[in-house]
N, C-alpha and C. Protein backbone atom coordinates (compact mmCIF):
# COMPACT_ATOMS: atom_id res chain seq x y z
N MET A 1 6.10 11.64 12.08
CA MET A 1 4.80 10.51 12.43
C MET A 1 4.82 9.97 13.76
N GLY A 2 5.62 10.40 14.41
CA GLY A 2 5.15 10.19 15.75
C GLY A 2 3.93 10.24 16.44
N TYR A 3 3.11 11.47 16.81
CA TYR A 3 2.06 11.40 17.08
C TYR A 3 0.82 10.91 16.16
N HIS A 4 1.13 9.66 15.51
CA HIS A 4 0.05 8.67 14.81
C HIS A 4 0.66 7.44 15.82
N ALA A 5 1.47 7.32 16.57
CA ALA A 5 1.40 5.51 16.86
C ALA A 5 0.49 5.24 18.24
N ALA A 6 -0.43 5.85 18.40
CA ALA A 6 -1.47 5.22 19.12
C ALA A 6 -2.39 4.99 18.56
N PHE A 7 -2.49 5.47 17.13
CA PHE A 7 -3.73 5.20 16.06
C PHE A 7 -3.28 3.77 15.82
N PRO A 8 -4.65 2.90 15.48
CA PRO A 8 -4.32 1.60 14.68
C PRO A 8 -4.25 2.15 13.27
N ASN A 9 -3.37 0.83 12.78
CA ASN A 9 -2.39 1.37 11.21
C ASN A 9 -3.69 1.07 10.58
N GLU A 10 -4.69 0.24 10.79
CA GLU A 10 -6.08 -0.07 9.76
C GLU A 10 -6.48 1.27 9.72
N ARG A 11 -6.56 2.22 10.95
CA ARG A 11 -7.54 3.29 10.60
C ARG A 11 -6.40 4.69 10.03
N LEU A 12 -5.11 4.26 10.13
CA LEU A 12 -4.48 5.65 9.32
C LEU A 12 -4.66 5.29 7.66
N ILE A 13 -4.76 4.16 7.51
CA ILE A 13 -4.72 4.07 6.00
C ILE A 13 -6.39 4.37 5.62
N ASP A 14 -7.30 3.67 6.40
CA ASP A 14 -8.51 4.53 5.74
C ASP A 14 -8.75 6.14 5.98
N MET A 15 -7.94 6.52 6.62
CA MET A 15 -8.08 7.84 6.69
C MET A 15 -6.89 8.76 5.62
N THR A 16 -5.97 8.41 5.13
CA THR A 16 -5.55 8.50 4.26
C THR A 16 -6.17 8.12 2.98
N ALA A 17 -6.87 6.86 2.64
CA ALA A 17 -7.71 6.66 1.39
C ALA A 17 -8.95 7.29 1.23
N LEU A 18 -9.59 7.19 2.08
CA LEU A 18 -10.52 8.23 2.06
C LEU A 18 -10.65 10.19 1.79
N ASN A 19 -9.47 10.50 2.42
CA ASN A 19 -9.53 12.04 1.95
C ASN A 19 -8.93 12.31 1.03
N ASP A 20 -7.98 11.42 0.75
CA ASP A 20 -6.73 11.72 -0.51
C ASP A 20 -7.07 11.11 -1.90
N THR A 21 -6.01 11.23 -2.66
CA THR A 21 -6.17 10.70 -4.31
C THR A 21 -4.93 8.83 -4.17
N LEU A 22 -5.13 8.32 -4.52
CA LEU A 22 -4.45 6.89 -4.53
C LEU A 22 -3.12 7.30 -4.15
N LEU A 23 -2.48 8.23 -5.76
CA LEU A 23 -1.08 8.64 -5.30
C LEU A 23 -0.59 9.41 -4.10
N HIS A 24 -1.77 10.20 -3.53
CA HIS A 24 -0.86 10.36 -1.82
C HIS A 24 -1.41 9.42 -0.63
N ALA A 25 -2.14 8.65 -0.80
CA ALA A 25 -1.71 7.17 -0.19
C ALA A 25 -0.86 6.56 -0.46
N LEU A 26 -0.47 5.96 -1.69
CA LEU A 26 1.05 4.89 -2.48
C LEU A 26 2.06 5.98 -1.65
N GLU A 27 2.41 6.59 -1.40
CA GLU A 27 3.43 7.73 -0.60
C GLU A 27 3.52 7.67 0.71
N HIS A 28 2.62 7.12 0.99
CA HIS A 28 2.68 7.20 2.51
C HIS A 28 2.33 5.52 2.81
N CYS A 29 2.60 4.65 1.99
CA CYS A 29 2.49 3.63 2.40
C CYS A 29 3.45 2.26 1.97
N ASP A 30 3.95 1.16 2.56
CA ASP A 30 5.32 0.60 2.58
C ASP A 30 5.00 -0.61 1.61
N MET A 31 3.60 -1.19 1.22
CA MET A 31 3.39 -2.69 1.02
C MET A 31 2.03 -2.18 0.04
N LEU A 32 1.79 -3.24 -0.89
CA LEU A 32 0.50 -2.86 -1.65
C LEU A 32 -0.01 -4.40 -1.78
N ILE A 33 -0.97 -4.47 -1.52
CA ILE A 33 -1.91 -5.89 -1.88
C ILE A 33 -2.42 -6.01 -2.83
N ILE A 34 -2.48 -6.24 -4.11
CA ILE A 34 -2.91 -6.02 -5.41
C ILE A 34 -3.61 -7.28 -5.55
N ASP A 35 -4.93 -7.10 -5.81
CA ASP A 35 -5.61 -8.56 -6.13
C ASP A 35 -5.41 -9.78 -5.12
N GLY A 36 -4.98 -9.23 -3.95
CA GLY A 36 -5.23 -10.42 -2.58
C GLY A 36 -3.46 -10.95 -3.01
N LEU A 37 -2.56 -10.17 -3.55
CA LEU A 37 -0.86 -10.40 -3.48
C LEU A 37 0.11 -9.64 -3.19
N HIS A 38 1.00 -9.83 -1.74
CA HIS A 38 1.13 -8.88 -1.30
C HIS A 38 2.46 -8.27 -2.07
N ALA A 39 2.85 -7.35 -2.53
CA ALA A 39 3.88 -6.39 -3.21
C ALA A 39 4.37 -5.66 -2.71
N PHE A 40 5.67 -5.91 -2.10
CA PHE A 40 6.91 -5.07 -1.60
C PHE A 40 7.20 -3.85 -2.58
N GLU A 41 7.65 -4.18 -3.83
CA GLU A 41 8.36 -3.59 -4.58
C GLU A 41 7.35 -2.76 -5.91
N PHE A 42 7.08 -1.31 -5.70
CA PHE A 42 6.67 -0.65 -6.36
C PHE A 42 6.90 0.75 -6.94
N SER A 43 6.67 1.38 -7.22
CA SER A 43 7.33 2.75 -8.02
C SER A 43 6.45 3.25 -8.99
N LEU A 44 6.88 4.99 -9.30
CA LEU A 44 6.37 5.27 -10.42
C LEU A 44 8.02 5.87 -11.13
N ASP A 45 7.55 5.79 -12.42
CA ASP A 45 8.66 6.00 -13.11
C ASP A 45 8.95 7.45 -13.72
N GLU A 46 9.39 7.79 -14.63
CA GLU A 46 9.84 9.45 -15.10
C GLU A 46 8.49 9.95 -15.73
N GLN A 47 7.66 8.68 -16.22
CA GLN A 47 6.10 9.54 -16.71
C GLN A 47 5.16 9.22 -15.59
N ASP A 48 5.66 8.93 -14.35
CA ASP A 48 4.11 8.89 -13.35
C ASP A 48 3.31 7.59 -13.66
N GLN A 49 3.83 6.89 -14.19
CA GLN A 49 3.56 5.68 -14.34
C GLN A 49 3.53 4.59 -13.23
N LEU A 50 2.60 4.05 -12.46
CA LEU A 50 2.85 3.16 -11.47
C LEU A 50 3.10 1.98 -11.85
N HIS A 51 4.30 1.55 -11.32
CA HIS A 51 5.19 -0.11 -11.84
C HIS A 51 4.64 -1.25 -10.24
N VAL A 52 3.66 -2.31 -10.35
CA VAL A 52 3.94 -3.10 -9.53
C VAL A 52 4.88 -4.50 -9.90
N GLU A 53 5.12 -4.81 -8.72
CA GLU A 53 5.89 -6.45 -8.93
C GLU A 53 5.37 -7.02 -8.34
N CYS A 54 5.29 -8.51 -8.00
CA CYS A 54 5.70 -9.49 -6.75
C CYS A 54 5.39 -11.23 -7.67
N MET A 55 5.77 -11.75 -6.79
CA MET A 55 5.88 -13.25 -7.25
C MET A 55 4.70 -14.13 -6.71
N ASN A 56 3.61 -14.36 -7.74
CA ASN A 56 3.24 -15.05 -7.81
C ASN A 56 3.37 -16.73 -7.35
N GLY A 57 3.75 -17.51 -6.46
CA GLY A 57 4.15 -18.58 -6.78
C GLY A 57 6.06 -18.64 -7.58
N ARG A 58 5.74 -19.03 -8.73
CA ARG A 58 7.20 -18.87 -9.22
C ARG A 58 6.79 -18.28 -10.36
N THR A 59 6.14 -17.68 -10.86
CA THR A 59 5.23 -16.37 -11.92
C THR A 59 5.48 -14.99 -11.04
N LEU A 60 6.59 -14.08 -11.91
CA LEU A 60 6.69 -12.83 -11.46
C LEU A 60 5.69 -12.12 -12.34
N GLU A 61 4.46 -11.41 -11.48
CA GLU A 61 3.50 -10.51 -11.87
C GLU A 61 3.99 -9.15 -11.70
N HIS A 62 3.49 -8.33 -12.78
CA HIS A 62 3.83 -7.06 -12.95
C HIS A 62 2.83 -6.36 -13.68
N TRP A 63 2.42 -5.18 -13.00
CA TRP A 63 1.59 -4.43 -13.42
C TRP A 63 1.53 -2.92 -13.78
N ARG A 64 1.37 -2.18 -14.67
CA ARG A 64 1.15 -0.61 -14.72
C ARG A 64 -0.01 -0.13 -14.58
N PHE A 65 0.37 1.34 -14.57
CA PHE A 65 -1.04 1.97 -14.63
C PHE A 65 -0.42 3.45 -15.04
N THR A 66 -1.23 4.26 -15.84
CA THR A 66 -0.98 5.65 -15.74
C THR A 66 -1.33 6.40 -14.81
N PRO A 67 -0.80 7.68 -15.24
CA PRO A 67 -1.43 8.51 -14.38
C PRO A 67 -2.78 8.90 -14.21
N THR A 68 -3.53 9.02 -15.30
CA THR A 68 -5.00 9.09 -15.39
C THR A 68 -5.70 7.90 -15.03
N GLN A 69 -5.04 6.75 -15.15
CA GLN A 69 -5.73 5.71 -14.34
C GLN A 69 -5.56 5.79 -12.89
N MET A 70 -4.72 6.08 -12.57
CA MET A 70 -4.78 6.45 -10.88
C MET A 70 -5.18 7.52 -9.87
N GLN A 71 -5.60 8.66 -10.99
CA GLN A 71 -6.85 9.81 -10.66
C GLN A 71 -7.99 9.22 -11.06
N ALA A 72 -8.42 8.24 -11.96
CA ALA A 72 -9.55 8.08 -11.92
C ALA A 72 -9.78 6.48 -10.70
N ALA A 73 -9.00 6.25 -10.19
CA ALA A 73 -9.02 5.05 -8.97
C ALA A 73 -9.93 5.70 -7.65
N THR A 74 -10.87 4.68 -7.27
CA THR A 74 -11.96 5.29 -6.08
C THR A 74 -11.86 4.48 -5.53
N PHE A 75 -12.30 5.04 -4.09
CA PHE A 75 -12.08 4.12 -3.00
C PHE A 75 -13.19 3.45 -2.61
N ASP A 76 -12.92 2.22 -1.76
CA ASP A 76 -14.63 1.42 -1.77
C ASP A 76 -14.55 1.25 -0.17
N LYS A 77 -15.09 2.15 0.62
CA LYS A 77 -15.40 2.19 1.97
C LYS A 77 -15.50 0.84 2.50
N ALA A 78 -16.51 0.05 2.15
CA ALA A 78 -17.10 -1.25 2.60
C ALA A 78 -16.06 -2.05 2.60
N LEU A 79 -15.17 -1.94 1.84
CA LEU A 79 -14.45 -2.77 1.48
C LEU A 79 -12.78 -2.71 1.75
N LYS A 80 -12.54 -1.15 1.74
CA LYS A 80 -11.84 -0.78 2.37
C LYS A 80 -10.14 -1.04 1.49
N HIS A 81 -10.67 -0.51 0.37
CA HIS A 81 -9.48 -1.15 -1.09
C HIS A 81 -10.07 0.23 -1.72
N TRP A 82 -9.14 0.62 -2.50
CA TRP A 82 -8.77 0.95 -4.15
C TRP A 82 -9.19 0.45 -5.41
N ILE A 83 -10.06 0.74 -5.72
CA ILE A 83 -10.45 -0.53 -7.52
C ILE A 83 -9.64 0.90 -8.35
N ILE A 84 -8.62 0.64 -9.00
CA ILE A 84 -8.26 1.04 -10.13
C ILE A 84 -8.31 -0.08 -11.27
N THR A 85 -8.64 0.93 -13.27
CA THR A 85 -8.75 -0.16 -13.78
C THR A 85 -7.89 0.53 -15.03
N SER A 86 -7.71 -1.10 -15.47
CA SER A 86 -6.40 -0.80 -16.50
C SER A 86 -6.88 -1.27 -17.71
N ASP A 87 -5.35 -1.45 -18.71
CA ASP A 87 -6.41 -2.74 -19.85
C ASP A 87 -7.16 -3.46 -19.89
N SER A 88 -6.31 -4.22 -18.33
CA SER A 88 -6.51 -5.77 -18.13
C SER A 88 -7.66 -5.93 -17.33
N GLY A 89 -8.38 -4.67 -17.10
CA GLY A 89 -9.81 -5.07 -16.28
C GLY A 89 -9.31 -4.35 -14.46
N ASP A 90 -10.29 -4.55 -14.23
CA ASP A 90 -10.25 -4.01 -12.48
C ASP A 90 -9.26 -4.44 -11.31
N HIS A 91 -8.80 -4.05 -10.77
CA HIS A 91 -7.91 -4.36 -9.95
C HIS A 91 -8.01 -3.87 -8.57
N HIS A 92 -8.01 -4.73 -7.41
CA HIS A 92 -7.93 -3.55 -5.92
C HIS A 92 -6.77 -3.78 -5.54
N LEU A 93 -6.14 -2.81 -4.64
CA LEU A 93 -4.91 -2.35 -4.35
C LEU A 93 -5.45 -2.05 -2.28
N GLU A 94 -4.69 -2.17 -1.81
CA GLU A 94 -4.83 -2.05 -0.58
C GLU A 94 -3.03 -1.67 0.06
N CYS A 95 -3.25 -0.32 0.54
CA CYS A 95 -2.27 0.43 1.01
C CYS A 95 -2.04 0.37 2.39
N VAL A 96 -0.62 -0.60 2.97
CA VAL A 96 -0.55 -1.05 4.16
C VAL A 96 1.09 -0.35 4.40
N GLU A 97 0.86 0.32 5.42
CA GLU A 97 1.83 0.61 6.17
C GLU A 97 2.85 -0.56 7.29
N ALA A 98 4.19 -0.55 6.90
CA ALA A 98 4.66 -1.29 7.84
C ALA A 98 4.76 -1.01 9.48
N THR A 99 4.84 -2.10 10.45
CA THR A 99 5.23 -1.82 11.48
C THR A 99 6.10 -2.66 12.18
N SER A 100 6.47 -1.62 12.76
CA SER A 100 7.95 -2.33 14.02
C SER A 100 7.68 -2.82 15.04
N GLY A 101 8.18 -4.01 15.40
CA GLY A 101 8.01 -4.31 16.99
C GLY A 101 9.61 -4.05 17.42
N HIS A 102 9.32 -3.38 19.12
CA HIS A 102 10.02 -3.55 19.88
C HIS A 102 10.43 -4.58 20.79
N ASP A 103 11.94 -5.44 20.63
CA ASP A 103 11.85 -6.28 21.87
C ASP A 103 12.43 -5.58 22.86
N ASP A 104 11.34 -5.11 23.64
CA ASP A 104 11.89 -4.81 25.15
C ASP A 104 12.46 -5.69 26.01
N GLU A 105 12.35 -6.84 26.07
CA GLU A 105 12.77 -7.76 26.77
C GLU A 105 14.04 -7.66 26.75
N ASP A 106 14.34 -8.08 25.39
CA ASP A 106 15.86 -7.70 25.25
C ASP A 106 17.07 -6.66 25.96
N SER A 107 16.42 -5.66 26.15
CA SER A 107 16.80 -4.66 26.48
C SER A 107 16.90 -4.10 27.91
N ASP A 108 15.84 -4.73 28.30
CA ASP A 108 15.77 -4.47 29.62
C ASP A 108 16.54 -5.76 30.89
N HIS A 109 17.38 -6.92 29.86
CA HIS A 109 17.96 -7.57 30.58
C HIS A 109 19.20 -7.82 29.92
N GLU A 110 19.93 -6.76 29.33
CA GLU A 110 20.69 -6.83 28.46
C GLU A 110 22.07 -7.50 29.54
N ASP A 111 21.95 -6.74 31.12
CA ASP A 111 23.00 -6.78 32.32
C ASP A 111 22.72 -8.40 32.33
N ALA A 112 22.12 -8.97 32.21
CA ALA A 112 21.91 -10.39 32.62
C ALA A 112 22.52 -11.18 32.43
């Protein structure tokens, strides 16, 4: 992904979401924002069901989506998130890529 370094992350996520399926977008993200909650724990199980977990205060929240529900998910261009429907209703998913910073200042002054 070296050639993507010059693009803003929001643009990368939007391009992925607009051109592909939710499953493809999930393969290229490091974190989800589901219904406004940040989730680092998400995975596919043996039946290709998506499991998402995150803490909401002291409560562990868990969502499960079937392959059919993921295929039916739609991307809202205006709000820049996926809308996926489960047995408990509609949920909003944002795929987020992690960014890392380099502390160039320390490396420039290692011999100081």
